[in-house]
PDB file of N, CA and C in Angstrom:
ATOM      1  N   VAL A   1     145.753 124.231 128.139  1.00  0.00           N
ATOM      2  CA  VAL A   1     146.370 124.327 129.458  1.00  0.00           C
ATOM      3  C   VAL A   1     145.424 123.750 130.508  1.00  0.00           C
ATOM      4  N   LYS A   2     144.132 124.047 130.367  1.00  0.00           N
ATOM      5  CA  LYS A   2     143.151 123.538 131.324  1.00  0.00           C
ATOM      6  C   LYS A   2     143.179 122.012 131.361  1.00  0.00           C
ATOM      7  N   GLU A   3     143.192 121.381 130.202  1.00  0.00           N
ATOM      8  CA  GLU A   3     143.229 119.914 130.138  1.00  0.00           C
ATOM      9  C   GLU A   3     144.542 119.368 130.693  1.00  0.00           C
ATOM     10  N   ALA A   4     145.650 120.042 130.408  1.00  0.00           N
ATOM     11  CA  ALA A   4     146.954 119.604 130.914  1.00  0.00           C
ATOM     12  C   ALA A   4     147.002 119.689 132.434  1.00  0.00           C
ATOM     13  N   LEU A   5     146.425 120.741 133.000  1.00  0.00           N
ATOM     14  CA  LEU A   5     146.393 120.873 134.462  1.00  0.00           C
ATOM     15  C   LEU A   5     145.528 119.787 135.083  1.00  0.00           C
ATOM     16  N   ALA A   6     144.403 119.486 134.463  1.00  0.00           N
ATOM     17  CA  ALA A   6     143.537 118.413 134.976  1.00  0.00           C
ATOM     18  C   ALA A   6     144.269 117.079 134.929  1.00  0.00           C
ATOM     19  N   THR A   7     144.986 116.820 133.853  1.00  0.00           N
ATOM     20  CA  THR A   7     145.758 115.582 133.720  1.00  0.00           C
ATOM     21  C   THR A   7     146.858 115.500 134.775  1.00  0.00           C
ATOM     22  N   ALA A   8     147.429 116.658 135.138  1.00  0.00           N
ATOM     23  CA  ALA A   8     148.492 116.702 136.151  1.00  0.00           C
ATOM     24  C   ALA A   8     147.934 116.600 137.570  1.00  0.00           C
ATOM     25  N   GLY A   9     146.601 116.547 137.710  1.00  0.00           N
ATOM     26  CA  GLY A   9     146.004 116.379 139.022  1.00  0.00           C
ATOM     27  C   GLY A   9     145.586 117.661 139.713  1.00  0.00           C
ATOM     28  N   VAL A  10     145.649 118.784 139.005  1.00  0.00           N
ATOM     29  CA  VAL A  10     145.240 120.054 139.597  1.00  0.00           C
ATOM     30  C   VAL A  10     143.718 120.088 139.674  1.00  0.00           C
ATOM     31  N   GLN A  11     143.191 120.372 140.860  1.00  0.00           N
ATOM     32  CA  GLN A  11     141.741 120.377 141.044  1.00  0.00           C
ATOM     33  C   GLN A  11     141.137 121.771 140.935  1.00  0.00           C
ATOM     34  N   GLY A  12     141.946 122.805 140.984  1.00  0.00           N
ATOM     35  CA  GLY A  12     141.434 124.156 140.870  1.00  0.00           C
ATOM     36  C   GLY A  12     142.535 125.142 140.564  1.00  0.00           C
ATOM     37  N   PHE A  13     142.187 126.181 139.841  1.00  0.00           N
ATOM     38  CA  PHE A  13     143.134 127.244 139.534  1.00  0.00           C
ATOM     39  C   PHE A  13     142.347 128.502 139.189  1.00  0.00           C
ATOM     40  N   THR A  14     143.031 129.636 139.111  1.00  0.00           N
ATOM     41  CA  THR A  14     142.399 130.912 138.825  1.00  0.00           C
ATOM     42  C   THR A  14     142.931 131.454 137.512  1.00  0.00           C
ATOM     43  N   VAL A  15     142.036 131.995 136.682  1.00  0.00           N
ATOM     44  CA  VAL A  15     142.425 132.632 135.427  1.00  0.00           C
ATOM     45  C   VAL A  15     141.957 134.081 135.476  1.00  0.00           C
ATOM     46  N   SER A  16     142.865 135.020 135.175  1.00  0.00           N
ATOM     47  CA  SER A  16     142.542 136.443 135.163  1.00  0.00           C
ATOM     48  C   SER A  16     142.900 137.033 133.813  1.00  0.00           C
ATOM     49  N   GLN A  17     142.071 137.948 133.320  1.00  0.00           N
ATOM     50  CA  GLN A  17     142.409 138.686 132.105  1.00  0.00           C
ATOM     51  C   GLN A  17     143.217 139.900 132.533  1.00  0.00           C
ATOM     52  N   ILE A  18     144.409 140.030 131.967  1.00  0.00           N
ATOM     53  CA  ILE A  18     145.305 141.122 132.336  1.00  0.00           C
ATOM     54  C   ILE A  18     145.833 141.792 131.078  1.00  0.00           C
ATOM     55  N   GLY A  19     146.531 142.893 131.242  1.00  0.00           N
ATOM     56  CA  GLY A  19     147.164 143.582 130.119  1.00  0.00           C
ATOM     57  C   GLY A  19     148.621 143.832 130.427  1.00  0.00           C
ATOM     58  N   GLY A  20     149.438 143.820 129.411  1.00  0.00           N
ATOM     59  CA  GLY A  20     150.861 144.083 129.589  1.00  0.00           C
ATOM     60  C   GLY A  20     151.582 143.894 128.270  1.00  0.00           C
ATOM     61  N   PHE A  21     152.895 143.975 128.320  1.00  0.00           N
ATOM     62  CA  PHE A  21     153.674 143.685 127.123  1.00  0.00           C
ATOM     63  C   PHE A  21     155.030 143.162 127.503  1.00  0.00           C
ATOM     64  N   GLY A  22     155.587 142.389 126.619  1.00  0.00           N
ATOM     65  CA  GLY A  22     156.933 141.839 126.787  1.00  0.00           C
ATOM     66  C   GLY A  22     157.727 142.187 125.552  1.00  0.00           C
ATOM     67  N   GLU A  23     158.190 141.183 124.868  1.00  0.00           N
ATOM     68  CA  GLU A  23     158.975 141.413 123.653  1.00  0.00           C
ATOM     69  C   GLU A  23     158.166 142.064 122.543  1.00  0.00           C
ATOM     70  N   GLN A  24     156.829 141.903 122.559  1.00  0.00           N
ATOM     71  CA  GLN A  24     155.994 142.455 121.491  1.00  0.00           C
ATOM     72  C   GLN A  24     155.966 143.983 121.513  1.00  0.00           C
ATOM     73  N   GLN A  25     156.023 144.589 122.673  1.00  0.00           N
ATOM     74  CA  GLN A  25     156.010 146.039 122.846  1.00  0.00           C
ATOM     75  C   GLN A  25     154.762 146.706 122.276  1.00  0.00           C
ATOM     76  N   GLY A  26     153.653 146.002 122.164  1.00  0.00           N
ATOM     77  CA  GLY A  26     152.419 146.581 121.644  1.00  0.00           C
ATOM     78  C   GLY A  26     152.435 146.660 120.127  1.00  0.00           C
ATOM     79  N   HIS A  27     151.410 147.320 119.567  1.00  0.00           N
ATOM     80  CA  HIS A  27     151.331 147.468 118.117  1.00  0.00           C
ATOM     81  C   HIS A  27     150.402 148.634 117.778  1.00  0.00           C
ATOM     82  N   ALA A  28     150.406 149.040 116.503  1.00  0.00           N
ATOM     83  CA  ALA A  28     149.559 150.140 116.044  1.00  0.00           C
ATOM     84  C   ALA A  28     148.346 149.568 115.312  1.00  0.00           C
ATOM     85  N   GLU A  29     147.191 150.229 115.478  1.00  0.00           N
ATOM     86  CA  GLU A  29     145.969 149.827 114.791  1.00  0.00           C
ATOM     87  C   GLU A  29     145.302 151.065 114.199  1.00  0.00           C
ATOM     88  N   VAL A  30     144.429 150.823 113.216  1.00  0.00           N
ATOM     89  CA  VAL A  30     143.643 151.907 112.634  1.00  0.00           C
ATOM     90  C   VAL A  30     142.176 151.605 112.911  1.00  0.00           C
ATOM     91  N   TYR A  31     141.472 152.576 113.498  1.00  0.00           N
ATOM     92  CA  TYR A  31     140.049 152.423 113.796  1.00  0.00           C
ATOM     93  C   TYR A  31     139.324 153.656 113.275  1.00  0.00           C
ATOM     94  N   ARG A  32     138.416 153.453 112.328  1.00  0.00           N
ATOM     95  CA  ARG A  32     137.648 154.544 111.710  1.00  0.00           C
ATOM     96  C   ARG A  32     138.558 155.641 111.191  1.00  0.00           C
ATOM     97  N   GLY A  33     139.628 155.231 110.574  1.00  0.00           N
ATOM     98  CA  GLY A  33     140.557 156.170 109.951  1.00  0.00           C
ATOM     99  C   GLY A  33     141.574 156.779 110.884  1.00  0.00           C
ATOM    100  N   ALA A  34     141.449 156.558 112.165  1.00  0.00           N
ATOM    101  CA  ALA A  34     142.400 157.114 113.133  1.00  0.00           C
ATOM    102  C   ALA A  34     143.392 156.027 113.549  1.00  0.00           C
ATOM    103  N   ARG A  35     144.650 156.380 113.535  1.00  0.00           N
ATOM    104  CA  ARG A  35     145.702 155.440 113.920  1.00  0.00           C
ATOM    105  C   ARG A  35     146.012 155.637 115.402  1.00  0.00           C
ATOM    106  N   TYR A  36     146.099 154.541 116.141  1.00  0.00           N
ATOM    107  CA  TYR A  36     146.454 154.648 117.553  1.00  0.00           C
ATOM    108  C   TYR A  36     147.312 153.449 117.959  1.00  0.00           C
ATOM    109  N   ASN A  37     148.071 153.640 119.018  1.00  0.00           N
ATOM    110  CA  ASN A  37     148.960 152.593 119.516  1.00  0.00           C
ATOM    111  C   ASN A  37     148.283 151.792 120.620  1.00  0.00           C
ATOM    112  N   VAL A  38     148.424 150.496 120.551  1.00  0.00           N
ATOM    113  CA  VAL A  38     147.955 149.609 121.606  1.00  0.00           C
ATOM    114  C   VAL A  38     149.195 149.233 122.411  1.00  0.00           C
ATOM    115  N   ASP A  39     149.355 149.890 123.554  1.00  0.00           N
ATOM    116  CA  ASP A  39     150.564 149.681 124.359  1.00  0.00           C
ATOM    117  C   ASP A  39     150.501 148.415 125.194  1.00  0.00           C
ATOM    118  N   PHE A  40     149.302 148.078 125.668  1.00  0.00           N
ATOM    119  CA  PHE A  40     149.152 146.893 126.480  1.00  0.00           C
ATOM    120  C   PHE A  40     148.336 145.854 125.726  1.00  0.00           C
ATOM    121  N   LEU A  41     148.888 144.670 125.618  1.00  0.00           N
ATOM    122  CA  LEU A  41     148.207 143.569 124.950  1.00  0.00           C
ATOM    123  C   LEU A  41     147.472 142.738 125.988  1.00  0.00           C
ATOM    124  N   GLU A  42     146.339 142.160 125.595  1.00  0.00           N
ATOM    125  CA  GLU A  42     145.575 141.325 126.518  1.00  0.00           C
ATOM    126  C   GLU A  42     146.260 139.973 126.690  1.00  0.00           C
ATOM    127  N   HIS A  43     146.340 139.542 127.922  1.00  0.00           N
ATOM    128  CA  HIS A  43     146.940 138.258 128.272  1.00  0.00           C
ATOM    129  C   HIS A  43     146.041 137.550 129.272  1.00  0.00           C
ATOM    130  N   LEU A  44     146.270 136.263 129.457  1.00  0.00           N
ATOM    131  CA  LEU A  44     145.627 135.515 130.527  1.00  0.00           C
ATOM    132  C   LEU A  44     146.677 135.145 131.552  1.00  0.00           C
ATOM    133  N   ARG A  45     146.320 135.270 132.812  1.00  0.00           N
ATOM    134  CA  ARG A  45     147.210 134.864 133.902  1.00  0.00           C
ATOM    135  C   ARG A  45     146.562 133.674 134.587  1.00  0.00           C
ATOM    136  N   VAL A  46     147.305 132.573 134.657  1.00  0.00           N
ATOM    137  CA  VAL A  46     146.820 131.350 135.292  1.00  0.00           C
ATOM    138  C   VAL A  46     147.590 131.180 136.600  1.00  0.00           C
ATOM    139  N   GLU A  47     146.858 131.050 137.704  1.00  0.00           N
ATOM    140  CA  GLU A  47     147.491 130.884 139.016  1.00  0.00           C
ATOM    141  C   GLU A  47     147.100 129.533 139.599  1.00  0.00           C
ATOM    142  N   VAL A  48     148.114 128.783 140.006  1.00  0.00           N
ATOM    143  CA  VAL A  48     147.920 127.467 140.608  1.00  0.00           C
ATOM    144  C   VAL A  48     148.695 127.447 141.919  1.00  0.00           C
ATOM    145  N   VAL A  49     148.044 127.024 142.992  1.00  0.00           N
ATOM    146  CA  VAL A  49     148.728 126.849 144.269  1.00  0.00           C
ATOM    147  C   VAL A  49     148.851 125.352 144.503  1.00  0.00           C
ATOM    148  N   THR A  50     150.080 124.915 144.761  1.00  0.00           N
ATOM    149  CA  THR A  50     150.332 123.482 144.921  1.00  0.00           C
ATOM    150  C   THR A  50     151.484 123.263 145.892  1.00  0.00           C
ATOM    151  N   SER A  51     151.712 122.027 146.230  1.00  0.00           N
ATOM    152  CA  SER A  51     152.843 121.706 147.105  1.00  0.00           C
ATOM    153  C   SER A  51     154.146 121.854 146.332  1.00  0.00           C
ATOM    154  N   ASN A  52     155.218 121.999 147.063  1.00  0.00           N
ATOM    155  CA  ASN A  52     156.551 122.109 146.448  1.00  0.00           C
ATOM    156  C   ASN A  52     156.870 120.911 145.567  1.00  0.00           C
ATOM    157  N   GLU A  53     156.478 119.727 146.027  1.00  0.00           N
ATOM    158  CA  GLU A  53     156.809 118.492 145.312  1.00  0.00           C
ATOM    159  C   GLU A  53     156.142 118.437 143.938  1.00  0.00           C
ATOM    160  N   ASP A  54     154.960 119.016 143.804  1.00  0.00           N
ATOM    161  CA  ASP A  54     154.208 118.958 142.551  1.00  0.00           C
ATOM    162  C   ASP A  54     154.508 120.117 141.608  1.00  0.00           C
ATOM    163  N   SER A  55     155.195 121.150 142.072  1.00  0.00           N
ATOM    164  CA  SER A  55     155.355 122.368 141.287  1.00  0.00           C
ATOM    165  C   SER A  55     156.086 122.140 139.966  1.00  0.00           C
ATOM    166  N   SER A  56     157.116 121.316 139.932  1.00  0.00           N
ATOM    167  CA  SER A  56     157.857 121.084 138.691  1.00  0.00           C
ATOM    168  C   SER A  56     157.016 120.359 137.649  1.00  0.00           C
ATOM    169  N   VAL A  57     156.257 119.365 138.091  1.00  0.00           N
ATOM    170  CA  VAL A  57     155.401 118.602 137.168  1.00  0.00           C
ATOM    171  C   VAL A  57     154.318 119.511 136.590  1.00  0.00           C
ATOM    172  N   ILE A  58     153.708 120.328 137.434  1.00  0.00           N
ATOM    173  CA  ILE A  58     152.649 121.222 136.979  1.00  0.00           C
ATOM    174  C   ILE A  58     153.212 122.288 136.043  1.00  0.00           C
ATOM    175  N   ALA A  59     154.359 122.848 136.380  1.00  0.00           N
ATOM    176  CA  ALA A  59     154.989 123.848 135.510  1.00  0.00           C
ATOM    177  C   ALA A  59     155.301 123.253 134.144  1.00  0.00           C
ATOM    178  N   GLN A  60     155.825 122.046 134.115  1.00  0.00           N
ATOM    179  CA  GLN A  60     156.141 121.410 132.839  1.00  0.00           C
ATOM    180  C   GLN A  60     154.878 121.106 132.042  1.00  0.00           C
ATOM    181  N   SER A  61     153.797 120.781 132.715  1.00  0.00           N
ATOM    182  CA  SER A  61     152.514 120.557 132.036  1.00  0.00           C
ATOM    183  C   SER A  61     152.034 121.827 131.347  1.00  0.00           C
ATOM    184  N   ILE A  62     152.166 122.960 132.029  1.00  0.00           N
ATOM    185  CA  ILE A  62     151.771 124.240 131.448  1.00  0.00           C
ATOM    186  C   ILE A  62     152.639 124.569 130.244  1.00  0.00           C
ATOM    187  N   VAL A  63     153.948 124.407 130.389  1.00  0.00           N
ATOM    188  CA  VAL A  63     154.872 124.711 129.298  1.00  0.00           C
ATOM    189  C   VAL A  63     154.567 123.845 128.076  1.00  0.00           C
ATOM    190  N   SER A  64     154.360 122.573 128.285  1.00  0.00           N
ATOM    191  CA  SER A  64     154.083 121.666 127.166  1.00  0.00           C
ATOM    192  C   SER A  64     152.785 122.021 126.452  1.00  0.00           C
ATOM    193  N   ALA A  65     151.765 122.388 127.218  1.00  0.00           N
ATOM    194  CA  ALA A  65     150.458 122.685 126.622  1.00  0.00           C
ATOM    195  C   ALA A  65     150.414 124.054 125.957  1.00  0.00           C
ATOM    196  N   ALA A  66     151.148 125.030 126.478  1.00  0.00           N
ATOM    197  CA  ALA A  66     151.041 126.406 125.986  1.00  0.00           C
ATOM    198  C   ALA A  66     152.069 126.772 124.923  1.00  0.00           C
ATOM    199  N   CYS A  67     153.081 125.959 124.733  1.00  0.00           N
ATOM    200  CA  CYS A  67     154.170 126.314 123.826  1.00  0.00           C
ATOM    201  C   CYS A  67     153.752 126.234 122.359  1.00  0.00           C
ATOM    202  N   THR A  68     153.855 127.376 121.672  1.00  0.00           N
ATOM    203  CA  THR A  68     153.644 127.411 120.225  1.00  0.00           C
ATOM    204  C   THR A  68     154.954 127.701 119.500  1.00  0.00           C
ATOM    205  N   GLY A  69     155.973 128.101 120.263  1.00  0.00           N
ATOM    206  CA  GLY A  69     157.262 128.423 119.669  1.00  0.00           C
ATOM    207  C   GLY A  69     157.346 129.841 119.137  1.00  0.00           C
ATOM    208  N   THR A  70     156.361 130.679 119.470  1.00  0.00           N
ATOM    209  CA  THR A  70     156.370 132.057 118.992  1.00  0.00           C
ATOM    210  C   THR A  70     156.421 133.031 120.163  1.00  0.00           C
ATOM    211  N   VAL A  71     156.760 134.287 119.849  1.00  0.00           N
ATOM    212  CA  VAL A  71     156.786 135.328 120.866  1.00  0.00           C
ATOM    213  C   VAL A  71     155.393 135.454 121.465  1.00  0.00           C
ATOM    214  N   GLY A  72     155.313 135.553 122.780  1.00  0.00           N
ATOM    215  CA  GLY A  72     154.030 135.706 123.442  1.00  0.00           C
ATOM    216  C   GLY A  72     153.515 134.435 124.081  1.00  0.00           C
ATOM    217  N   ASP A  73     154.285 133.348 124.016  1.00  0.00           N
ATOM    218  CA  ASP A  73     153.849 132.103 124.647  1.00  0.00           C
ATOM    219  C   ASP A  73     153.695 132.258 126.152  1.00  0.00           C
ATOM    220  N   GLY A  74     154.445 133.150 126.755  1.00  0.00           N
ATOM    221  CA  GLY A  74     154.309 133.404 128.182  1.00  0.00           C
ATOM    222  C   GLY A  74     155.486 132.919 128.992  1.00  0.00           C
ATOM    223  N   ILE A  75     155.352 133.051 130.285  1.00  0.00           N
ATOM    224  CA  ILE A  75     156.397 132.689 131.244  1.00  0.00           C
ATOM    225  C   ILE A  75     155.726 131.973 132.410  1.00  0.00           C
ATOM    226  N   VAL A  76     156.389 130.956 132.951  1.00  0.00           N
ATOM    227  CA  VAL A  76     155.912 130.301 134.167  1.00  0.00           C
ATOM    228  C   VAL A  76     156.779 130.794 135.317  1.00  0.00           C
ATOM    229  N   TRP A  77     156.126 131.354 136.338  1.00  0.00           N
ATOM    230  CA  TRP A  77     156.820 131.792 137.544  1.00  0.00           C
ATOM    231  C   TRP A  77     156.483 130.830 138.657  1.00  0.00           C
ATOM    232  N   ILE A  78     157.492 130.388 139.375  1.00  0.00           N
ATOM    233  CA  ILE A  78     157.276 129.537 140.549  1.00  0.00           C
ATOM    234  C   ILE A  78     157.744 130.341 141.758  1.00  0.00           C
ATOM    235  N   LEU A  79     156.796 130.632 142.642  1.00  0.00           N
ATOM    236  CA  LEU A  79     157.073 131.466 143.803  1.00  0.00           C
ATOM    237  C   LEU A  79     156.793 130.700 145.085  1.00  0.00           C
ATOM    238  N   PRO A  80     157.554 130.979 146.143  1.00  0.00           N
ATOM    239  CA  PRO A  80     157.238 130.348 147.433  1.00  0.00           C
ATOM    240  C   PRO A  80     155.986 130.975 148.041  1.00  0.00           C
ATOM    241  N   LEU A  81     155.265 130.184 148.778  1.00  0.00           N
ATOM    242  CA  LEU A  81     154.061 130.654 149.464  1.00  0.00           C
ATOM    243  C   LEU A  81     154.239 130.335 150.940  1.00  0.00           C
ATOM    244  N   ASP A  82     154.179 131.345 151.776  1.00  0.00           N
ATOM    245  CA  ASP A  82     154.453 131.156 153.195  1.00  0.00           C
ATOM    246  C   ASP A  82     153.371 130.363 153.926  1.00  0.00           C
ATOM    247  N   SER A  83     152.121 130.660 153.639  1.00  0.00           N
ATOM    248  CA  SER A  83     151.055 129.998 154.360  1.00  0.00           C
ATOM    249  C   SER A  83     149.753 130.111 153.582  1.00  0.00           C
ATOM    250  N   VAL A  84     148.851 129.143 153.800  1.00  0.00           N
ATOM    251  CA  VAL A  84     147.523 129.139 153.188  1.00  0.00           C
ATOM    252  C   VAL A  84     146.525 128.790 154.280  1.00  0.00           C
ATOM    253  N   ILE A  85     145.410 129.527 154.328  1.00  0.00           N
ATOM    254  CA  ILE A  85     144.341 129.222 155.279  1.00  0.00           C
ATOM    255  C   ILE A  85     143.036 129.131 154.502  1.00  0.00           C
ATOM    256  N   HIS A  86     142.365 128.007 154.597  1.00  0.00           N
ATOM    257  CA  HIS A  86     141.070 127.804 153.955  1.00  0.00           C
ATOM    258  C   HIS A  86     140.025 128.442 154.858  1.00  0.00           C
ATOM    259  N   ILE A  87     139.353 129.461 154.366  1.00  0.00           N
ATOM    260  CA  ILE A  87     138.463 130.262 155.206  1.00  0.00           C
ATOM    261  C   ILE A  87     137.297 129.449 155.766  1.00  0.00           C
ATOM    262  N   ARG A  88     136.657 128.640 154.939  1.00  0.00           N
ATOM    263  CA  ARG A  88     135.443 127.931 155.364  1.00  0.00           C
ATOM    264  C   ARG A  88     135.667 127.022 156.560  1.00  0.00           C
ATOM    265  N   ASP A  89     136.748 126.227 156.544  1.00  0.00           N
ATOM    266  CA  ASP A  89     136.927 125.239 157.609  1.00  0.00           C
ATOM    267  C   ASP A  89     138.192 125.438 158.445  1.00  0.00           C
ATOM    268  N   GLY A  90     138.965 126.484 158.158  1.00  0.00           N
ATOM    269  CA  GLY A  90     140.144 126.782 158.965  1.00  0.00           C
ATOM    270  C   GLY A  90     141.363 125.918 158.696  1.00  0.00           C
ATOM    271  N   LYS A  91     141.291 125.022 157.686  1.00  0.00           N
ATOM    272  CA  LYS A  91     142.454 124.192 157.370  1.00  0.00           C
ATOM    273  C   LYS A  91     143.616 125.084 156.934  1.00  0.00           C
ATOM    274  N   GLU A  92     144.821 124.637 157.294  1.00  0.00           N
ATOM    275  CA  GLU A  92     145.998 125.436 156.986  1.00  0.00           C
ATOM    276  C   GLU A  92     147.031 124.648 156.199  1.00  0.00           C
ATOM    277  N   ASP A  93     147.799 125.375 155.406  1.00  0.00           N
ATOM    278  CA  ASP A  93     148.932 124.876 154.631  1.00  0.00           C
ATOM    279  C   ASP A  93     148.574 123.675 153.772  1.00  0.00           C
ATOM    280  N   GLU A  94     149.292 122.557 153.868  1.00  0.00           N
ATOM    281  CA  GLU A  94     149.070 121.411 152.976  1.00  0.00           C
ATOM    282  C   GLU A  94     147.633 120.900 153.007  1.00  0.00           C
ATOM    283  N   SER A  95     147.015 120.862 154.177  1.00  0.00           N
ATOM    284  CA  SER A  95     145.650 120.353 154.277  1.00  0.00           C
ATOM    285  C   SER A  95     144.640 121.309 153.635  1.00  0.00           C
ATOM    286  N   ALA A  96     145.004 122.574 153.453  1.00  0.00           N
ATOM    287  CA  ALA A  96     144.121 123.540 152.812  1.00  0.00           C
ATOM    288  C   ALA A  96     144.143 123.429 151.301  1.00  0.00           C
ATOM    289  N   LEU A  97     145.163 122.776 150.772  1.00  0.00           N
ATOM    290  CA  LEU A  97     145.260 122.628 149.323  1.00  0.00           C
ATOM    291  C   LEU A  97     144.401 121.464 148.870  1.00  0.00           C
TER     292      LEU A  97
END
């Protein structure tokens, strides 16, 4: 995904380690003879802020790079962003990206 984003022209993005579940609904494990349920599975969340015009190309780049065809491949969410302010120099909106 990192290489696909670079190829699509993305200069920066954020990756967070998160926990949750979707269709997998967790699983059971045995540790030192004790059985326990893992309700939340570890996932990575990738966040990219871009212009409206580039969002479809970037989303398709992520889908193409991350697709394995199995449960757990993930979901791409495209959300509107009202405003962006670059703290260091005060640039706003498109110029801040």
